[in-house]
PDB file of N, CA and C in Angstrom:
ATOM      1  N   MET A   1     109.818  69.009  53.335  1.00  0.00           N
ATOM      2  CA  MET A   1     108.702  69.899  53.462  1.00  0.00           C
ATOM      3  C   MET A   1     109.066  71.104  54.338  1.00  0.00           C
ATOM      4  N   PHE A   2     109.548  70.856  55.549  1.00  0.00           N
ATOM      5  CA  PHE A   2     109.994  71.937  56.414  1.00  0.00           C
ATOM      6  C   PHE A   2     111.506  71.990  56.389  1.00  0.00           C
ATOM      7  N   THR A   3     112.048  73.208  56.344  1.00  0.00           N
ATOM      8  CA  THR A   3     113.505  73.359  56.305  1.00  0.00           C
ATOM      9  C   THR A   3     114.097  73.596  57.684  1.00  0.00           C
ATOM     10  N   VAL A   4     113.276  73.650  58.710  1.00  0.00           N
ATOM     11  CA  VAL A   4     113.743  73.917  60.069  1.00  0.00           C
ATOM     12  C   VAL A   4     114.147  72.602  60.721  1.00  0.00           C
ATOM     13  N   THR A   5     115.332  72.587  61.286  1.00  0.00           N
ATOM     14  CA  THR A   5     115.780  71.387  61.984  1.00  0.00           C
ATOM     15  C   THR A   5     115.225  71.387  63.404  1.00  0.00           C
ATOM     16  N   LEU A   6     115.349  70.267  64.065  1.00  0.00           N
ATOM     17  CA  LEU A   6     114.849  70.132  65.435  1.00  0.00           C
ATOM     18  C   LEU A   6     115.597  71.058  66.384  1.00  0.00           C
ATOM     19  N   ILE A   7     116.891  71.244  66.160  1.00  0.00           N
ATOM     20  CA  ILE A   7     117.690  72.123  67.023  1.00  0.00           C
ATOM     21  C   ILE A   7     117.208  73.571  66.879  1.00  0.00           C
ATOM     22  N   GLU A   8     116.961  74.011  65.657  1.00  0.00           N
ATOM     23  CA  GLU A   8     116.461  75.371  65.447  1.00  0.00           C
ATOM     24  C   GLU A   8     115.077  75.547  66.057  1.00  0.00           C
ATOM     25  N   PHE A   9     114.240  74.511  65.940  1.00  0.00           N
ATOM     26  CA  PHE A   9     112.904  74.581  66.522  1.00  0.00           C
ATOM     27  C   PHE A   9     112.986  74.725  68.030  1.00  0.00           C
ATOM     28  N   LYS A  10     113.831  73.913  68.666  1.00  0.00           N
ATOM     29  CA  LYS A  10     113.952  73.976  70.127  1.00  0.00           C
ATOM     30  C   LYS A  10     114.557  75.314  70.558  1.00  0.00           C
ATOM     31  N   THR A  11     115.480  75.842  69.777  1.00  0.00           N
ATOM     32  CA  THR A  11     116.067  77.146  70.093  1.00  0.00           C
ATOM     33  C   THR A  11     115.001  78.236  70.003  1.00  0.00           C
ATOM     34  N   ASN A  12     114.212  78.212  68.938  1.00  0.00           N
ATOM     35  CA  ASN A  12     113.130  79.198  68.794  1.00  0.00           C
ATOM     36  C   ASN A  12     112.090  79.058  69.892  1.00  0.00           C
ATOM     37  N   GLN A  13     111.776  77.830  70.257  1.00  0.00           N
ATOM     38  CA  GLN A  13     110.804  77.593  71.315  1.00  0.00           C
ATOM     39  C   GLN A  13     111.316  78.138  72.651  1.00  0.00           C
ATOM     40  N   ALA A  14     112.589  77.888  72.951  1.00  0.00           N
ATOM     41  CA  ALA A  14     113.173  78.393  74.198  1.00  0.00           C
ATOM     42  C   ALA A  14     113.168  79.917  74.210  1.00  0.00           C
ATOM     43  N   GLU A  15     113.463  80.539  73.067  1.00  0.00           N
ATOM     44  CA  GLU A  15     113.452  81.998  72.982  1.00  0.00           C
ATOM     45  C   GLU A  15     112.036  82.547  73.190  1.00  0.00           C
ATOM     46  N   LEU A  16     111.056  81.891  72.608  1.00  0.00           N
ATOM     47  CA  LEU A  16     109.669  82.324  72.808  1.00  0.00           C
ATOM     48  C   LEU A  16     109.245  82.205  74.263  1.00  0.00           C
ATOM     49  N   HIS A  17     109.645  81.120  74.927  1.00  0.00           N
ATOM     50  CA  HIS A  17     109.321  80.952  76.352  1.00  0.00           C
ATOM     51  C   HIS A  17     110.009  82.026  77.191  1.00  0.00           C
ATOM     52  N   ARG A  18     111.261  82.361  76.842  1.00  0.00           N
ATOM     53  CA  ARG A  18     111.986  83.396  77.580  1.00  0.00           C
ATOM     54  C   ARG A  18     111.307  84.750  77.397  1.00  0.00           C
ATOM     55  N   ARG A  19     110.905  85.055  76.166  1.00  0.00           N
ATOM     56  CA  ARG A  19     110.223  86.323  75.901  1.00  0.00           C
ATOM     57  C   ARG A  19     108.872  86.387  76.612  1.00  0.00           C
ATOM     58  N   ALA A  20     108.157  85.285  76.640  1.00  0.00           N
ATOM     59  CA  ALA A  20     106.860  85.257  77.317  1.00  0.00           C
ATOM     60  C   ALA A  20     107.029  85.494  78.818  1.00  0.00           C
ATOM     61  N   ALA A  21     108.052  84.874  79.400  1.00  0.00           N
ATOM     62  CA  ALA A  21     108.299  85.076  80.827  1.00  0.00           C
ATOM     63  C   ALA A  21     108.664  86.535  81.108  1.00  0.00           C
ATOM     64  N   TYR A  22     109.483  87.125  80.249  1.00  0.00           N
ATOM     65  CA  TYR A  22     109.860  88.530  80.414  1.00  0.00           C
ATOM     66  C   TYR A  22     108.634  89.430  80.261  1.00  0.00           C
ATOM     67  N   PHE A  23     107.791  89.137  79.296  1.00  0.00           N
ATOM     68  CA  PHE A  23     106.578  89.920  79.076  1.00  0.00           C
ATOM     69  C   PHE A  23     105.662  89.860  80.296  1.00  0.00           C
ATOM     70  N   ARG A  24     105.489  88.673  80.870  1.00  0.00           N
ATOM     71  CA  ARG A  24     104.651  88.531  82.073  1.00  0.00           C
ATOM     72  C   ARG A  24     105.245  89.310  83.241  1.00  0.00           C
ATOM     73  N   LEU A  25     106.575  89.278  83.371  1.00  0.00           N
ATOM     74  CA  LEU A  25     107.230  90.013  84.454  1.00  0.00           C
ATOM     75  C   LEU A  25     107.009  91.520  84.294  1.00  0.00           C
ATOM     76  N   VAL A  26     107.182  92.022  83.096  1.00  0.00           N
ATOM     77  CA  VAL A  26     106.987  93.454  82.850  1.00  0.00           C
ATOM     78  C   VAL A  26     105.542  93.846  83.118  1.00  0.00           C
ATOM     79  N   LYS A  27     104.591  93.052  82.658  1.00  0.00           N
ATOM     80  CA  LYS A  27     103.177  93.356  82.877  1.00  0.00           C
ATOM     81  C   LYS A  27     102.827  93.358  84.358  1.00  0.00           C
ATOM     82  N   SER A  28     103.406  92.412  85.112  1.00  0.00           N
ATOM     83  CA  SER A  28     103.092  92.346  86.540  1.00  0.00           C
ATOM     84  C   SER A  28     103.676  93.539  87.289  1.00  0.00           C
ATOM     85  N   LEU A  29     104.781  94.092  86.804  1.00  0.00           N
ATOM     86  CA  LEU A  29     105.380  95.240  87.471  1.00  0.00           C
ATOM     87  C   LEU A  29     104.724  96.554  87.067  1.00  0.00           C
ATOM     88  N   GLU A  30     104.064  96.585  85.926  1.00  0.00           N
ATOM     89  CA  GLU A  30     103.422  97.814  85.466  1.00  0.00           C
ATOM     90  C   GLU A  30     102.212  98.184  86.307  1.00  0.00           C
ATOM     91  N   LYS A  31     101.375  97.243  86.611  1.00  0.00           N
ATOM     92  CA  LYS A  31     100.168  97.570  87.358  1.00  0.00           C
ATOM     93  C   LYS A  31     100.423  97.411  88.858  1.00  0.00           C
ATOM     94  N   PRO A  32      99.988  98.371  89.654  1.00  0.00           N
ATOM     95  CA  PRO A  32     100.227  98.292  91.095  1.00  0.00           C
ATOM     96  C   PRO A  32      99.376  97.196  91.727  1.00  0.00           C
ATOM     97  N   ASP A  33      99.897  96.687  92.797  1.00  0.00           N
ATOM     98  CA  ASP A  33      99.167  95.672  93.545  1.00  0.00           C
ATOM     99  C   ASP A  33      97.949  96.330  94.184  1.00  0.00           C
ATOM    100  N   PRO A  34      96.748  95.818  93.932  1.00  0.00           N
ATOM    101  CA  PRO A  34      95.539  96.482  94.437  1.00  0.00           C
ATOM    102  C   PRO A  34      95.542  96.649  95.960  1.00  0.00           C
ATOM    103  N   TRP A  35      96.032  95.662  96.694  1.00  0.00           N
ATOM    104  CA  TRP A  35      96.034  95.739  98.148  1.00  0.00           C
ATOM    105  C   TRP A  35      96.943  96.875  98.612  1.00  0.00           C
ATOM    106  N   ASN A  36      98.150  96.939  98.031  1.00  0.00           N
ATOM    107  CA  ASN A  36      99.078  98.010  98.412  1.00  0.00           C
ATOM    108  C   ASN A  36      98.540  99.373  98.007  1.00  0.00           C
ATOM    109  N   ALA A  37      97.944  99.452  96.852  1.00  0.00           N
ATOM    110  CA  ALA A  37      97.404 100.727  96.381  1.00  0.00           C
ATOM    111  C   ALA A  37      96.294 101.214  97.296  1.00  0.00           C
ATOM    112  N   ARG A  38      95.441 100.310  97.746  1.00  0.00           N
ATOM    113  CA  ARG A  38      94.351 100.715  98.653  1.00  0.00           C
ATOM    114  C   ARG A  38      94.899 101.207  99.981  1.00  0.00           C
ATOM    115  N   VAL A  39      95.898 100.526 100.517  1.00  0.00           N
ATOM    116  CA  VAL A  39      96.478 100.937 101.797  1.00  0.00           C
ATOM    117  C   VAL A  39      97.129 102.310 101.663  1.00  0.00           C
ATOM    118  N   LEU A  40      97.911 102.505 100.605  1.00  0.00           N
ATOM    119  CA  LEU A  40      98.567 103.794 100.416  1.00  0.00           C
ATOM    120  C   LEU A  40      97.557 104.921 100.201  1.00  0.00           C
ATOM    121  N   THR A  41      96.502 104.660  99.471  1.00  0.00           N
ATOM    122  CA  THR A  41      95.468 105.669  99.257  1.00  0.00           C
ATOM    123  C   THR A  41      94.792 106.030 100.567  1.00  0.00           C
ATOM    124  N   THR A  42      94.481 105.039 101.377  1.00  0.00           N
ATOM    125  CA  THR A  42      93.834 105.287 102.665  1.00  0.00           C
ATOM    126  C   THR A  42      94.736 106.094 103.589  1.00  0.00           C
ATOM    127  N   VAL A  43      96.010 105.726 103.659  1.00  0.00           N
ATOM    128  CA  VAL A  43      96.953 106.458 104.514  1.00  0.00           C
ATOM    129  C   VAL A  43      97.095 107.900 104.022  1.00  0.00           C
ATOM    130  N   GLY A  44      97.178 108.075 102.715  1.00  0.00           N
ATOM    131  CA  GLY A  44      97.284 109.429 102.168  1.00  0.00           C
ATOM    132  C   GLY A  44      96.074 110.279 102.505  1.00  0.00           C
ATOM    133  N   LYS A  45      94.877 109.706 102.375  1.00  0.00           N
ATOM    134  CA  LYS A  45      93.661 110.457 102.706  1.00  0.00           C
ATOM    135  C   LYS A  45      93.623 110.813 104.192  1.00  0.00           C
ATOM    136  N   LEU A  46      94.033 109.881 105.047  1.00  0.00           N
ATOM    137  CA  LEU A  46      94.054 110.169 106.484  1.00  0.00           C
ATOM    138  C   LEU A  46      95.041 111.286 106.813  1.00  0.00           C
ATOM    139  N   LEU A  47      96.198 111.284 106.153  1.00  0.00           N
ATOM    140  CA  LEU A  47      97.166 112.360 106.388  1.00  0.00           C
ATOM    141  C   LEU A  47      96.618 113.707 105.945  1.00  0.00           C
ATOM    142  N   ILE A  48      95.941 113.737 104.825  1.00  0.00           N
ATOM    143  CA  ILE A  48      95.358 114.993 104.332  1.00  0.00           C
ATOM    144  C   ILE A  48      94.285 115.492 105.287  1.00  0.00           C
ATOM    145  N   GLU A  49      93.414 114.595 105.734  1.00  0.00           N
ATOM    146  CA  GLU A  49      92.346 114.995 106.652  1.00  0.00           C
ATOM    147  C   GLU A  49      92.901 115.478 107.979  1.00  0.00           C
ATOM    148  N   SER A  50      93.896 114.775 108.521  1.00  0.00           N
ATOM    149  CA  SER A  50      94.451 115.195 109.810  1.00  0.00           C
ATOM    150  C   SER A  50      95.191 116.524 109.671  1.00  0.00           C
ATOM    151  N   GLY A  51      95.901 116.711 108.561  1.00  0.00           N
ATOM    152  CA  GLY A  51      96.590 117.988 108.338  1.00  0.00           C
ATOM    153  C   GLY A  51      95.612 119.133 108.201  1.00  0.00           C
ATOM    154  N   THR A  52      94.512 118.907 107.511  1.00  0.00           N
ATOM    155  CA  THR A  52      93.488 119.943 107.361  1.00  0.00           C
ATOM    156  C   THR A  52      92.885 120.290 108.714  1.00  0.00           C
ATOM    157  N   GLY A  53      92.638 119.277 109.535  1.00  0.00           N
ATOM    158  CA  GLY A  53      92.092 119.521 110.870  1.00  0.00           C
ATOM    159  C   GLY A  53      93.042 120.319 111.742  1.00  0.00           C
ATOM    160  N   ILE A  54      94.313 120.017 111.658  1.00  0.00           N
ATOM    161  CA  ILE A  54      95.310 120.754 112.447  1.00  0.00           C
ATOM    162  C   ILE A  54      95.374 122.213 111.997  1.00  0.00           C
ATOM    163  N   ILE A  55      95.359 122.435 110.703  1.00  0.00           N
ATOM    164  CA  ILE A  55      95.401 123.806 110.187  1.00  0.00           C
ATOM    165  C   ILE A  55      94.161 124.578 110.625  1.00  0.00           C
ATOM    166  N   ASN A  56      92.988 123.948 110.563  1.00  0.00           N
ATOM    167  CA  ASN A  56      91.754 124.625 110.971  1.00  0.00           C
ATOM    168  C   ASN A  56      91.790 124.987 112.451  1.00  0.00           C
ATOM    169  N   ARG A  57      92.278 124.072 113.297  1.00  0.00           N
ATOM    170  CA  ARG A  57      92.367 124.365 114.726  1.00  0.00           C
ATOM    171  C   ARG A  57      93.371 125.474 114.997  1.00  0.00           C
ATOM    172  N   TYR A  58      94.467 125.484 114.269  1.00  0.00           N
ATOM    173  CA  TYR A  58      95.482 126.524 114.445  1.00  0.00           C
ATOM    174  C   TYR A  58      94.928 127.884 114.047  1.00  0.00           C
ATOM    175  N   GLN A  59      94.201 127.943 112.932  1.00  0.00           N
ATOM    176  CA  GLN A  59      93.635 129.224 112.492  1.00  0.00           C
ATOM    177  C   GLN A  59      92.571 129.704 113.469  1.00  0.00           C
ATOM    178  N   THR A  60      91.771 128.782 114.014  1.00  0.00           N
ATOM    179  CA  THR A  60      90.749 129.152 114.991  1.00  0.00           C
ATOM    180  C   THR A  60      91.407 129.687 116.263  1.00  0.00           C
ATOM    181  N   ALA A  61      92.485 129.054 116.720  1.00  0.00           N
ATOM    182  CA  ALA A  61      93.190 129.498 117.913  1.00  0.00           C
ATOM    183  C   ALA A  61      93.828 130.869 117.682  1.00  0.00           C
ATOM    184  N   GLN A  62      94.291 131.134 116.485  1.00  0.00           N
ATOM    185  CA  GLN A  62      94.893 132.431 116.186  1.00  0.00           C
ATOM    186  C   GLN A  62      93.869 133.562 116.260  1.00  0.00           C
ATOM    187  N   TYR A  63      92.659 133.317 115.782  1.00  0.00           N
ATOM    188  CA  TYR A  63      91.643 134.352 115.765  1.00  0.00           C
ATOM    189  C   TYR A  63      91.068 134.620 117.143  1.00  0.00           C
ATOM    190  N   LYS A  64      91.151 133.655 118.048  1.00  0.00           N
ATOM    191  CA  LYS A  64      90.624 133.850 119.400  1.00  0.00           C
ATOM    192  C   LYS A  64      91.484 134.833 120.185  1.00  0.00           C
ATOM    193  N   TYR A  65      92.773 134.865 119.913  1.00  0.00           N
ATOM    194  CA  TYR A  65      93.664 135.712 120.725  1.00  0.00           C
ATOM    195  C   TYR A  65      94.040 136.954 120.042  1.00  0.00           C
TER     196      TYR A  65
END
């Protein structure tokens, strides 16, 4: 009825498991870790705000003198 031997079946099964593991690895690396992304976003926003504040203070000090 089936022409596939047990050895071919086990070989195909092992290949499918290997491909599934590779697929999961690729998917996990594609999307950023939410915790890391939140920390980096927060640090970036703080740097932008502090830089803007420094520039505003510098421009104000320039106009006073």
